[in-house]
Amino acid sequence: MTDPGKQPHTAAEHEEFAAQIADQIESFLLALRAIAREGNGARAVSLLLLEISQVLLAGARLGAQLDFEPREEYQPDVGPEADIDDMRLRLAEMLDSVDTYSFVFDPYLPDMVQSKLSDDLTSIATDLDNGLRHYRLGNVEEALWWWQFSYVNNGGNLAGAALNALLTVVAHDRFDTDFEETVEALTVAHEMLDEPVDPPR
């Protein structure tokens, strides 16, 4: 197995590294579709936490490498993007009132951005699927370049923000608070996890 901290140099090492990343990405995409189909908000929060954490690990391995270079100047055609709008709508319906959240996209330019978990997760899935289609067609260098580019440019930030949002839902569910203004958020967290709500005292 390729050392996660080692930069692959040979074609064989690139192939092995790409195969490992492709397995992690395929697992994430399959799990995300399954979670959306199941439509169980209580299970979704915990499962999404797990799946996003794992795909962030794959992204971090890519981000730690030297820049990959595609073989061609222009991206090879891999056909139309997969239609995942149905998955987006299912996620939005399932996540309901915790779907919309705010985060700082660039911590060095601290402007708050409002987004939706359902939009961000499907955006991440679209980018990952694009690289996976390159990989399946044998375009290993292109797949590695695309996965690395999308992780550093956008996907890693969105995944990190989504992870933090989901963790906040769990935190509100696990811990009471004395601050009145958090009652609504706490109520939403309990509803998502199908547990009775005890207002803070």
N, C-alpha and C. Protein backbone atom coordinates (compact mmCIF):
# COMPACT_ATOMS: atom_id res chain seq x y z
N MET A 1 0.84 -1.19 0.00
CA MET A 1 0.00 0.00 0.00
C MET A 1 0.88 1.24 0.00
N THR A 2 0.47 2.27 -0.76
CA THR A 2 1.21 3.51 -0.82
C THR A 2 1.18 4.21 0.53
N ASP A 3 2.35 4.71 0.97
CA ASP A 3 2.42 5.49 2.20
C ASP A 3 1.61 6.77 2.02
N PRO A 4 0.60 7.04 2.92
CA PRO A 4 -0.24 8.24 2.75
C PRO A 4 0.56 9.52 2.70
N GLY A 5 1.74 9.56 3.33
CA GLY A 5 2.53 10.78 3.35
C GLY A 5 3.57 10.86 2.26
N LYS A 6 3.63 9.86 1.41
CA LYS A 6 4.67 9.81 0.37
C LYS A 6 4.12 10.27 -0.97
N GLN A 7 4.87 11.11 -1.63
CA GLN A 7 4.49 11.57 -2.96
C GLN A 7 4.75 10.47 -3.98
N PRO A 8 3.70 9.98 -4.69
CA PRO A 8 3.93 8.94 -5.70
C PRO A 8 4.70 9.51 -6.89
N HIS A 9 5.71 8.78 -7.34
CA HIS A 9 6.56 9.26 -8.44
C HIS A 9 6.39 8.41 -9.69
N THR A 10 6.41 7.11 -9.55
CA THR A 10 6.36 6.23 -10.71
C THR A 10 4.92 6.03 -11.17
N ALA A 11 4.78 5.54 -12.39
CA ALA A 11 3.45 5.27 -12.93
C ALA A 11 2.71 4.26 -12.07
N ALA A 12 3.44 3.25 -11.59
CA ALA A 12 2.80 2.22 -10.75
C ALA A 12 2.31 2.82 -9.45
N GLU A 13 3.11 3.73 -8.87
CA GLU A 13 2.70 4.37 -7.62
C GLU A 13 1.50 5.28 -7.85
N HIS A 14 1.47 5.97 -8.99
CA HIS A 14 0.32 6.80 -9.32
C HIS A 14 -0.93 5.94 -9.45
N GLU A 15 -0.79 4.81 -10.11
CA GLU A 15 -1.93 3.89 -10.31
C GLU A 15 -2.45 3.42 -8.96
N GLU A 16 -1.55 3.02 -8.07
CA GLU A 16 -1.97 2.51 -6.76
C GLU A 16 -2.63 3.61 -5.94
N PHE A 17 -2.03 4.80 -5.94
CA PHE A 17 -2.58 5.92 -5.20
C PHE A 17 -3.95 6.29 -5.73
N ALA A 18 -4.08 6.36 -7.06
CA ALA A 18 -5.36 6.70 -7.67
C ALA A 18 -6.43 5.66 -7.35
N ALA A 19 -6.04 4.40 -7.33
CA ALA A 19 -6.99 3.33 -7.02
C ALA A 19 -7.52 3.48 -5.60
N GLN A 20 -6.65 3.84 -4.66
CA GLN A 20 -7.07 4.03 -3.27
C GLN A 20 -8.03 5.21 -3.15
N ILE A 21 -7.71 6.32 -3.82
CA ILE A 21 -8.57 7.50 -3.78
C ILE A 21 -9.92 7.19 -4.44
N ALA A 22 -9.87 6.49 -5.58
CA ALA A 22 -11.10 6.15 -6.29
C ALA A 22 -12.01 5.29 -5.41
N ASP A 23 -11.44 4.34 -4.67
CA ASP A 23 -12.25 3.49 -3.78
C ASP A 23 -12.94 4.33 -2.71
N GLN A 24 -12.21 5.28 -2.12
CA GLN A 24 -12.79 6.13 -1.08
C GLN A 24 -13.89 7.01 -1.65
N ILE A 25 -13.67 7.54 -2.83
CA ILE A 25 -14.66 8.41 -3.46
C ILE A 25 -15.90 7.64 -3.87
N GLU A 26 -15.71 6.46 -4.45
CA GLU A 26 -16.86 5.64 -4.84
C GLU A 26 -17.68 5.25 -3.62
N SER A 27 -17.02 4.94 -2.52
CA SER A 27 -17.72 4.59 -1.29
C SER A 27 -18.54 5.78 -0.79
N PHE A 28 -17.97 6.98 -0.86
CA PHE A 28 -18.69 8.18 -0.42
C PHE A 28 -19.92 8.43 -1.28
N LEU A 29 -19.77 8.32 -2.60
CA LEU A 29 -20.89 8.59 -3.50
C LEU A 29 -22.01 7.58 -3.32
N LEU A 30 -21.66 6.32 -3.15
CA LEU A 30 -22.68 5.29 -2.91
C LEU A 30 -23.41 5.54 -1.60
N ALA A 31 -22.65 5.90 -0.56
CA ALA A 31 -23.24 6.14 0.76
C ALA A 31 -24.16 7.36 0.72
N LEU A 32 -23.72 8.43 0.03
CA LEU A 32 -24.53 9.65 -0.04
C LEU A 32 -25.86 9.38 -0.74
N ARG A 33 -25.83 8.62 -1.81
CA ARG A 33 -27.07 8.28 -2.51
C ARG A 33 -27.98 7.43 -1.62
N ALA A 34 -27.39 6.48 -0.89
CA ALA A 34 -28.17 5.62 -0.01
C ALA A 34 -28.80 6.42 1.12
N ILE A 35 -28.06 7.36 1.70
CA ILE A 35 -28.59 8.20 2.77
C ILE A 35 -29.76 9.03 2.26
N ALA A 36 -29.62 9.60 1.06
CA ALA A 36 -30.69 10.41 0.48
C ALA A 36 -31.93 9.56 0.21
N ARG A 37 -31.74 8.34 -0.30
CA ARG A 37 -32.88 7.47 -0.57
C ARG A 37 -33.60 7.06 0.70
N GLU A 38 -32.83 6.80 1.77
CA GLU A 38 -33.43 6.34 3.01
C GLU A 38 -34.32 7.41 3.63
N GLY A 39 -33.90 8.66 3.53
CA GLY A 39 -34.73 9.76 4.01
C GLY A 39 -34.94 9.81 5.50
N ASN A 40 -34.03 9.22 6.26
CA ASN A 40 -34.14 9.19 7.72
C ASN A 40 -33.24 10.28 8.30
N GLY A 41 -33.85 11.42 8.68
CA GLY A 41 -33.07 12.54 9.17
C GLY A 41 -32.25 12.23 10.40
N ALA A 42 -32.79 11.41 11.29
CA ALA A 42 -32.09 11.08 12.53
C ALA A 42 -30.79 10.33 12.24
N ARG A 43 -30.85 9.35 11.33
CA ARG A 43 -29.66 8.58 10.98
C ARG A 43 -28.74 9.38 10.06
N ALA A 44 -29.33 10.26 9.26
CA ALA A 44 -28.55 10.97 8.26
C ALA A 44 -27.46 11.83 8.88
N VAL A 45 -27.76 12.50 9.98
CA VAL A 45 -26.77 13.39 10.59
C VAL A 45 -25.52 12.62 10.97
N SER A 46 -25.70 11.51 11.66
CA SER A 46 -24.55 10.71 12.10
C SER A 46 -23.82 10.09 10.91
N LEU A 47 -24.58 9.56 9.94
CA LEU A 47 -23.95 8.92 8.79
C LEU A 47 -23.19 9.93 7.92
N LEU A 48 -23.77 11.11 7.74
CA LEU A 48 -23.10 12.13 6.94
C LEU A 48 -21.82 12.60 7.63
N LEU A 49 -21.84 12.70 8.95
CA LEU A 49 -20.62 13.04 9.68
C LEU A 49 -19.50 12.05 9.36
N LEU A 50 -19.84 10.78 9.38
CA LEU A 50 -18.87 9.73 9.11
C LEU A 50 -18.36 9.80 7.67
N GLU A 51 -19.29 9.89 6.72
CA GLU A 51 -18.91 9.85 5.31
C GLU A 51 -18.11 11.08 4.89
N ILE A 52 -18.50 12.25 5.38
CA ILE A 52 -17.76 13.47 5.04
C ILE A 52 -16.36 13.42 5.63
N SER A 53 -16.24 12.91 6.86
CA SER A 53 -14.92 12.78 7.48
C SER A 53 -14.00 11.91 6.64
N GLN A 54 -14.55 10.81 6.13
CA GLN A 54 -13.73 9.89 5.34
C GLN A 54 -13.32 10.48 4.00
N VAL A 55 -14.23 11.21 3.35
CA VAL A 55 -13.87 11.78 2.05
C VAL A 55 -12.91 12.96 2.25
N LEU A 56 -12.99 13.64 3.39
CA LEU A 56 -12.01 14.68 3.69
C LEU A 56 -10.61 14.10 3.87
N LEU A 57 -10.54 12.89 4.40
CA LEU A 57 -9.24 12.23 4.51
C LEU A 57 -8.64 11.99 3.13
N ALA A 58 -9.47 11.53 2.20
CA ALA A 58 -8.99 11.32 0.83
C ALA A 58 -8.52 12.65 0.24
N GLY A 59 -9.28 13.72 0.47
CA GLY A 59 -8.90 15.03 -0.04
C GLY A 59 -7.60 15.52 0.57
N ALA A 60 -7.43 15.29 1.87
CA ALA A 60 -6.20 15.72 2.54
C ALA A 60 -4.99 14.99 1.97
N ARG A 61 -5.15 13.72 1.63
CA ARG A 61 -4.05 12.97 1.01
C ARG A 61 -3.69 13.58 -0.33
N LEU A 62 -4.70 14.03 -1.08
CA LEU A 62 -4.44 14.68 -2.37
C LEU A 62 -3.80 16.04 -2.17
N GLY A 63 -4.30 16.80 -1.18
CA GLY A 63 -3.78 18.13 -0.94
C GLY A 63 -2.34 18.12 -0.46
N ALA A 64 -1.93 17.02 0.17
CA ALA A 64 -0.56 16.93 0.70
C ALA A 64 0.46 16.61 -0.38
N GLN A 65 -0.01 16.23 -1.56
CA GLN A 65 0.90 15.86 -2.64
C GLN A 65 1.35 17.09 -3.42
N LEU A 66 2.46 16.93 -4.16
CA LEU A 66 2.83 17.93 -5.15
C LEU A 66 1.74 17.98 -6.21
N ASP A 67 1.68 19.09 -6.93
CA ASP A 67 0.62 19.24 -7.92
C ASP A 67 0.69 18.15 -8.99
N PHE A 68 -0.46 17.53 -9.24
CA PHE A 68 -0.54 16.58 -10.34
C PHE A 68 -0.75 17.36 -11.64
N GLU A 69 -0.25 16.82 -12.73
CA GLU A 69 -0.36 17.48 -14.02
C GLU A 69 -1.14 16.58 -14.98
N PRO A 70 -2.21 17.11 -15.60
CA PRO A 70 -2.94 16.30 -16.59
C PRO A 70 -2.10 16.12 -17.84
N ARG A 71 -2.34 15.02 -18.55
CA ARG A 71 -1.57 14.73 -19.76
C ARG A 71 -1.93 15.66 -20.90
N GLU A 72 -3.22 16.03 -20.97
CA GLU A 72 -3.70 16.86 -22.07
C GLU A 72 -3.97 18.27 -21.59
N GLU A 73 -3.82 19.24 -22.51
CA GLU A 73 -4.10 20.63 -22.16
C GLU A 73 -5.59 20.82 -21.88
N TYR A 74 -6.42 20.12 -22.64
CA TYR A 74 -7.86 20.22 -22.47
C TYR A 74 -8.40 18.92 -21.88
N GLN A 75 -9.39 19.06 -21.03
CA GLN A 75 -9.94 17.90 -20.33
C GLN A 75 -10.61 16.95 -21.31
N PRO A 76 -10.27 15.66 -21.28
CA PRO A 76 -10.96 14.69 -22.14
C PRO A 76 -12.46 14.64 -21.84
N ASP A 77 -13.22 14.39 -22.88
CA ASP A 77 -14.68 14.32 -22.72
C ASP A 77 -15.06 13.01 -22.04
N VAL A 78 -15.77 13.12 -20.93
CA VAL A 78 -16.24 11.91 -20.24
C VAL A 78 -17.76 11.83 -20.25
N GLY A 79 -18.39 12.61 -21.14
CA GLY A 79 -19.84 12.56 -21.24
C GLY A 79 -20.50 13.54 -20.28
N PRO A 80 -21.83 13.61 -20.32
CA PRO A 80 -22.57 14.55 -19.47
C PRO A 80 -22.46 14.19 -18.00
N GLU A 81 -22.57 15.21 -17.16
CA GLU A 81 -22.53 14.97 -15.72
C GLU A 81 -23.75 14.14 -15.29
N ALA A 82 -23.54 13.37 -14.24
CA ALA A 82 -24.65 12.57 -13.71
C ALA A 82 -25.74 13.49 -13.19
N ASP A 83 -26.99 13.11 -13.40
CA ASP A 83 -28.13 13.88 -12.91
C ASP A 83 -28.35 13.53 -11.44
N ILE A 84 -27.94 14.44 -10.57
CA ILE A 84 -28.09 14.17 -9.14
C ILE A 84 -29.03 15.17 -8.48
N ASP A 85 -29.87 15.84 -9.30
CA ASP A 85 -30.79 16.81 -8.74
C ASP A 85 -31.81 16.14 -7.82
N ASP A 86 -32.21 14.91 -8.17
CA ASP A 86 -33.14 14.19 -7.31
C ASP A 86 -32.53 13.94 -5.93
N MET A 87 -31.23 13.60 -5.91
CA MET A 87 -30.56 13.40 -4.63
C MET A 87 -30.51 14.70 -3.84
N ARG A 88 -30.26 15.81 -4.51
CA ARG A 88 -30.22 17.10 -3.83
C ARG A 88 -31.56 17.42 -3.19
N LEU A 89 -32.64 17.19 -3.92
CA LEU A 89 -33.98 17.47 -3.40
C LEU A 89 -34.31 16.56 -2.22
N ARG A 90 -33.91 15.30 -2.30
CA ARG A 90 -34.15 14.37 -1.19
C ARG A 90 -33.38 14.80 0.07
N LEU A 91 -32.13 15.21 -0.12
CA LEU A 91 -31.34 15.67 1.01
C LEU A 91 -31.94 16.92 1.63
N ALA A 92 -32.40 17.84 0.79
CA ALA A 92 -33.00 19.09 1.29
C ALA A 92 -34.25 18.79 2.10
N GLU A 93 -35.08 17.88 1.60
CA GLU A 93 -36.31 17.53 2.31
C GLU A 93 -35.99 16.82 3.63
N MET A 94 -35.01 15.97 3.62
CA MET A 94 -34.66 15.19 4.80
C MET A 94 -34.02 16.08 5.88
N LEU A 95 -33.12 16.96 5.47
CA LEU A 95 -32.43 17.82 6.43
C LEU A 95 -33.31 18.96 6.92
N ASP A 96 -34.27 19.34 6.08
CA ASP A 96 -35.33 20.28 6.47
C ASP A 96 -34.76 21.57 7.07
N SER A 97 -35.07 21.85 8.33
CA SER A 97 -34.74 23.14 8.93
C SER A 97 -33.26 23.31 9.25
N VAL A 98 -32.47 22.25 9.21
CA VAL A 98 -31.02 22.41 9.43
C VAL A 98 -30.26 22.41 8.10
N ASP A 99 -30.98 22.42 6.99
CA ASP A 99 -30.31 22.42 5.69
C ASP A 99 -29.55 23.72 5.45
N THR A 100 -30.16 24.85 5.78
CA THR A 100 -29.53 26.15 5.59
C THR A 100 -28.60 26.46 6.76
N TYR A 101 -27.38 26.87 6.45
CA TYR A 101 -26.41 27.18 7.50
C TYR A 101 -25.47 28.28 7.02
N SER A 102 -24.68 28.84 7.92
CA SER A 102 -23.73 29.90 7.59
C SER A 102 -22.32 29.46 7.95
N PHE A 103 -21.35 29.93 7.19
CA PHE A 103 -19.96 29.62 7.50
C PHE A 103 -19.05 30.68 6.89
N VAL A 104 -17.81 30.71 7.32
CA VAL A 104 -16.81 31.62 6.76
C VAL A 104 -16.03 30.85 5.71
N PHE A 105 -16.17 31.24 4.44
CA PHE A 105 -15.52 30.49 3.36
C PHE A 105 -14.01 30.71 3.39
N ASP A 106 -13.58 31.94 3.63
CA ASP A 106 -12.14 32.25 3.70
C ASP A 106 -11.86 32.87 5.06
N PRO A 107 -11.19 32.15 5.97
CA PRO A 107 -10.94 32.67 7.31
C PRO A 107 -10.06 33.92 7.33
N TYR A 108 -9.38 34.21 6.22
CA TYR A 108 -8.56 35.41 6.14
C TYR A 108 -9.35 36.59 5.57
N LEU A 109 -10.55 36.32 5.08
CA LEU A 109 -11.50 37.34 4.66
C LEU A 109 -12.83 36.98 5.32
N PRO A 110 -12.98 37.26 6.60
CA PRO A 110 -14.07 36.67 7.40
C PRO A 110 -15.46 37.23 7.10
N ASP A 111 -15.93 36.96 5.90
CA ASP A 111 -17.31 37.30 5.55
C ASP A 111 -18.15 36.03 5.61
N MET A 112 -19.29 36.14 6.29
CA MET A 112 -20.16 34.97 6.42
C MET A 112 -20.86 34.66 5.09
N VAL A 113 -20.95 33.39 4.80
CA VAL A 113 -21.64 32.90 3.60
C VAL A 113 -22.80 32.03 4.05
N GLN A 114 -23.96 32.22 3.45
CA GLN A 114 -25.09 31.35 3.75
C GLN A 114 -25.20 30.31 2.64
N SER A 115 -25.39 29.07 3.02
CA SER A 115 -25.45 28.01 2.03
C SER A 115 -26.43 26.94 2.50
N LYS A 116 -26.52 25.88 1.72
CA LYS A 116 -27.38 24.74 2.07
C LYS A 116 -26.54 23.47 2.03
N LEU A 117 -26.71 22.64 3.03
CA LEU A 117 -26.01 21.36 3.07
C LEU A 117 -26.32 20.53 1.82
N SER A 118 -27.58 20.52 1.42
CA SER A 118 -27.98 19.72 0.26
C SER A 118 -27.27 20.19 -1.01
N ASP A 119 -27.14 21.52 -1.19
CA ASP A 119 -26.44 22.05 -2.35
C ASP A 119 -24.95 21.73 -2.30
N ASP A 120 -24.36 21.92 -1.13
CA ASP A 120 -22.91 21.73 -1.00
C ASP A 120 -22.52 20.27 -1.17
N LEU A 121 -23.31 19.36 -0.59
CA LEU A 121 -22.99 17.94 -0.71
C LEU A 121 -23.11 17.45 -2.15
N THR A 122 -24.13 17.94 -2.87
CA THR A 122 -24.27 17.53 -4.26
C THR A 122 -23.20 18.18 -5.15
N SER A 123 -22.77 19.39 -4.79
CA SER A 123 -21.66 20.02 -5.53
C SER A 123 -20.38 19.21 -5.36
N ILE A 124 -20.10 18.79 -4.14
CA ILE A 124 -18.94 17.95 -3.86
C ILE A 124 -19.05 16.63 -4.64
N ALA A 125 -20.24 16.03 -4.60
CA ALA A 125 -20.46 14.75 -5.28
C ALA A 125 -20.25 14.89 -6.79
N THR A 126 -20.70 15.99 -7.38
CA THR A 126 -20.54 16.21 -8.82
C THR A 126 -19.06 16.26 -9.21
N ASP A 127 -18.27 17.01 -8.44
CA ASP A 127 -16.84 17.10 -8.72
C ASP A 127 -16.14 15.75 -8.56
N LEU A 128 -16.48 15.04 -7.49
CA LEU A 128 -15.84 13.74 -7.25
C LEU A 128 -16.22 12.74 -8.34
N ASP A 129 -17.48 12.78 -8.76
CA ASP A 129 -17.94 11.86 -9.80
C ASP A 129 -17.26 12.15 -11.13
N ASN A 130 -17.00 13.43 -11.41
CA ASN A 130 -16.31 13.78 -12.65
C ASN A 130 -14.92 13.16 -12.69
N GLY A 131 -14.19 13.27 -11.57
CA GLY A 131 -12.87 12.63 -11.51
C GLY A 131 -12.95 11.13 -11.60
N LEU A 132 -13.99 10.56 -10.99
CA LEU A 132 -14.14 9.11 -11.01
C LEU A 132 -14.39 8.60 -12.43
N ARG A 133 -15.13 9.35 -13.22
CA ARG A 133 -15.38 8.94 -14.61
C ARG A 133 -14.08 8.99 -15.42
N HIS A 134 -13.24 9.99 -15.16
CA HIS A 134 -11.92 10.02 -15.81
C HIS A 134 -11.12 8.78 -15.43
N TYR A 135 -11.16 8.45 -14.15
CA TYR A 135 -10.39 7.29 -13.67
C TYR A 135 -10.87 6.01 -14.34
N ARG A 136 -12.17 5.83 -14.43
CA ARG A 136 -12.73 4.61 -15.01
C ARG A 136 -12.42 4.48 -16.49
N LEU A 137 -12.19 5.61 -17.16
CA LEU A 137 -11.82 5.59 -18.58
C LEU A 137 -10.32 5.46 -18.78
N GLY A 138 -9.58 5.32 -17.68
CA GLY A 138 -8.15 5.14 -17.77
C GLY A 138 -7.34 6.42 -17.75
N ASN A 139 -8.01 7.56 -17.53
CA ASN A 139 -7.31 8.85 -17.48
C ASN A 139 -6.85 9.11 -16.04
N VAL A 140 -5.87 8.35 -15.60
CA VAL A 140 -5.46 8.39 -14.19
C VAL A 140 -4.92 9.77 -13.80
N GLU A 141 -4.02 10.32 -14.62
CA GLU A 141 -3.43 11.63 -14.30
C GLU A 141 -4.49 12.71 -14.27
N GLU A 142 -5.43 12.64 -15.21
CA GLU A 142 -6.51 13.62 -15.25
C GLU A 142 -7.39 13.50 -14.01
N ALA A 143 -7.68 12.28 -13.60
CA ALA A 143 -8.50 12.06 -12.41
C ALA A 143 -7.83 12.62 -11.17
N LEU A 144 -6.54 12.32 -11.01
CA LEU A 144 -5.81 12.83 -9.85
C LEU A 144 -5.75 14.34 -9.86
N TRP A 145 -5.49 14.93 -11.04
CA TRP A 145 -5.45 16.39 -11.13
C TRP A 145 -6.80 16.98 -10.76
N TRP A 146 -7.88 16.40 -11.30
CA TRP A 146 -9.21 16.95 -11.06
C TRP A 146 -9.60 16.83 -9.59
N TRP A 147 -9.35 15.68 -8.99
CA TRP A 147 -9.69 15.50 -7.58
C TRP A 147 -8.90 16.48 -6.71
N GLN A 148 -7.62 16.64 -7.01
CA GLN A 148 -6.79 17.56 -6.23
C GLN A 148 -7.26 19.00 -6.41
N PHE A 149 -7.49 19.39 -7.65
CA PHE A 149 -7.93 20.76 -7.93
C PHE A 149 -9.26 21.06 -7.24
N SER A 150 -10.23 20.17 -7.37
CA SER A 150 -11.56 20.43 -6.80
C SER A 150 -11.51 20.45 -5.27
N TYR A 151 -10.63 19.63 -4.68
CA TYR A 151 -10.50 19.61 -3.22
C TYR A 151 -9.92 20.93 -2.72
N VAL A 152 -8.82 21.37 -3.32
CA VAL A 152 -8.14 22.58 -2.86
C VAL A 152 -8.95 23.83 -3.21
N ASN A 153 -9.57 23.83 -4.38
CA ASN A 153 -10.25 25.02 -4.88
C ASN A 153 -11.61 25.25 -4.23
N ASN A 154 -12.33 24.17 -3.88
CA ASN A 154 -13.70 24.37 -3.43
C ASN A 154 -14.20 23.25 -2.53
N GLY A 155 -14.05 22.01 -2.97
CA GLY A 155 -14.69 20.89 -2.28
C GLY A 155 -14.24 20.70 -0.85
N GLY A 156 -12.94 20.88 -0.59
CA GLY A 156 -12.44 20.69 0.77
C GLY A 156 -13.04 21.69 1.73
N ASN A 157 -13.17 22.93 1.29
CA ASN A 157 -13.77 23.97 2.12
C ASN A 157 -15.24 23.68 2.40
N LEU A 158 -15.97 23.30 1.35
CA LEU A 158 -17.39 22.99 1.53
C LEU A 158 -17.59 21.79 2.44
N ALA A 159 -16.76 20.76 2.25
CA ALA A 159 -16.89 19.56 3.09
C ALA A 159 -16.58 19.87 4.55
N GLY A 160 -15.55 20.70 4.77
CA GLY A 160 -15.22 21.08 6.14
C GLY A 160 -16.33 21.88 6.79
N ALA A 161 -16.94 22.80 6.03
CA ALA A 161 -18.05 23.60 6.56
C ALA A 161 -19.26 22.73 6.85
N ALA A 162 -19.57 21.79 5.94
CA ALA A 162 -20.69 20.89 6.15
C ALA A 162 -20.47 20.01 7.37
N LEU A 163 -19.25 19.54 7.52
CA LEU A 163 -18.91 18.71 8.69
C LEU A 163 -19.14 19.50 9.97
N ASN A 164 -18.71 20.75 9.99
CA ASN A 164 -18.87 21.58 11.18
C ASN A 164 -20.34 21.84 11.47
N ALA A 165 -21.13 22.06 10.41
CA ALA A 165 -22.57 22.30 10.60
C ALA A 165 -23.24 21.07 11.20
N LEU A 166 -22.93 19.89 10.68
CA LEU A 166 -23.53 18.66 11.21
C LEU A 166 -23.07 18.39 12.63
N LEU A 167 -21.81 18.68 12.91
CA LEU A 167 -21.30 18.50 14.26
C LEU A 167 -22.01 19.44 15.24
N THR A 168 -22.35 20.63 14.77
CA THR A 168 -23.09 21.59 15.61
C THR A 168 -24.48 21.05 15.95
N VAL A 169 -25.12 20.40 14.98
CA VAL A 169 -26.42 19.78 15.25
C VAL A 169 -26.30 18.74 16.36
N VAL A 170 -25.26 17.91 16.26
CA VAL A 170 -25.04 16.88 17.27
C VAL A 170 -24.72 17.52 18.62
N ALA A 171 -23.89 18.58 18.60
CA ALA A 171 -23.51 19.23 19.85
C ALA A 171 -24.72 19.83 20.56
N HIS A 172 -25.61 20.44 19.80
CA HIS A 172 -26.82 21.00 20.40
C HIS A 172 -27.70 19.90 20.99
N ASP A 173 -27.65 18.74 20.36
CA ASP A 173 -28.44 17.62 20.88
C ASP A 173 -27.84 17.04 22.16
N ARG A 174 -26.51 17.04 22.24
CA ARG A 174 -25.84 16.36 23.35
C ARG A 174 -25.76 17.20 24.62
N PHE A 175 -25.66 18.54 24.45
CA PHE A 175 -25.36 19.37 25.61
C PHE A 175 -26.43 20.43 25.82
N ASP A 176 -26.83 20.55 27.06
CA ASP A 176 -27.73 21.64 27.43
C ASP A 176 -26.96 22.94 27.46
N THR A 177 -27.69 24.05 27.43
CA THR A 177 -27.06 25.36 27.50
C THR A 177 -27.95 26.30 28.28
N ASP A 178 -27.35 27.30 28.87
CA ASP A 178 -28.10 28.27 29.66
C ASP A 178 -28.50 29.51 28.86
N PHE A 179 -28.11 29.54 27.58
CA PHE A 179 -28.39 30.73 26.80
C PHE A 179 -29.74 30.60 26.09
N GLU A 180 -30.61 31.57 26.34
CA GLU A 180 -31.97 31.53 25.82
C GLU A 180 -32.01 31.49 24.30
N GLU A 181 -31.06 32.21 23.66
CA GLU A 181 -31.12 32.34 22.20
C GLU A 181 -30.81 31.03 21.48
N THR A 182 -30.31 30.00 22.18
CA THR A 182 -29.99 28.73 21.52
C THR A 182 -31.13 27.73 21.61
N VAL A 183 -32.26 28.12 22.22
CA VAL A 183 -33.36 27.18 22.41
C VAL A 183 -33.87 26.66 21.08
N GLU A 184 -34.04 27.56 20.10
CA GLU A 184 -34.58 27.14 18.80
C GLU A 184 -33.64 26.16 18.11
N ALA A 185 -32.35 26.47 18.10
CA ALA A 185 -31.38 25.56 17.47
C ALA A 185 -31.35 24.22 18.18
N LEU A 186 -31.45 24.23 19.50
CA LEU A 186 -31.45 22.99 20.27
C LEU A 186 -32.67 22.16 19.94
N THR A 187 -33.82 22.82 19.80
CA THR A 187 -35.05 22.12 19.45
C THR A 187 -34.93 21.44 18.09
N VAL A 188 -34.36 22.17 17.12
CA VAL A 188 -34.17 21.61 15.78
C VAL A 188 -33.26 20.38 15.82
N ALA A 189 -32.17 20.47 16.61
CA ALA A 189 -31.24 19.35 16.71
C ALA A 189 -31.93 18.12 17.28
N HIS A 190 -32.73 18.30 18.32
CA HIS A 190 -33.44 17.17 18.91
C HIS A 190 -34.44 16.58 17.92
N GLU A 191 -35.13 17.43 17.17
CA GLU A 191 -36.10 16.94 16.19
C GLU A 191 -35.40 16.12 15.12
N MET A 192 -34.22 16.58 14.67
CA MET A 192 -33.48 15.85 13.64
C MET A 192 -33.07 14.47 14.13
N LEU A 193 -32.78 14.35 15.42
CA LEU A 193 -32.32 13.09 15.98
C LEU A 193 -33.43 12.33 16.68
N ASP A 194 -34.67 12.77 16.48
CA ASP A 194 -35.86 12.07 16.99
C ASP A 194 -35.80 11.84 18.50
N GLU A 195 -35.40 12.86 19.23
CA GLU A 195 -35.33 12.72 20.67
C GLU A 195 -36.19 13.80 21.32
N PRO A 196 -36.75 13.54 22.52
CA PRO A 196 -37.56 14.55 23.18
C PRO A 196 -36.71 15.74 23.59
N VAL A 197 -37.32 16.91 23.62
CA VAL A 197 -36.61 18.14 23.92
C VAL A 197 -36.84 18.54 25.36
N ASP A 198 -35.77 18.76 26.12
CA ASP A 198 -35.84 19.32 27.45
C ASP A 198 -35.28 20.73 27.38
N PRO A 199 -36.14 21.78 27.46
CA PRO A 199 -35.63 23.14 27.35
C PRO A 199 -34.58 23.42 28.40
N PRO A 200 -33.58 24.26 28.08
CA PRO A 200 -32.55 24.60 29.04
C PRO A 200 -33.15 25.26 30.27
N ARG A 201 -32.56 24.96 31.42
CA ARG A 201 -33.04 25.53 32.68
C ARG A 201 -32.05 26.57 33.19
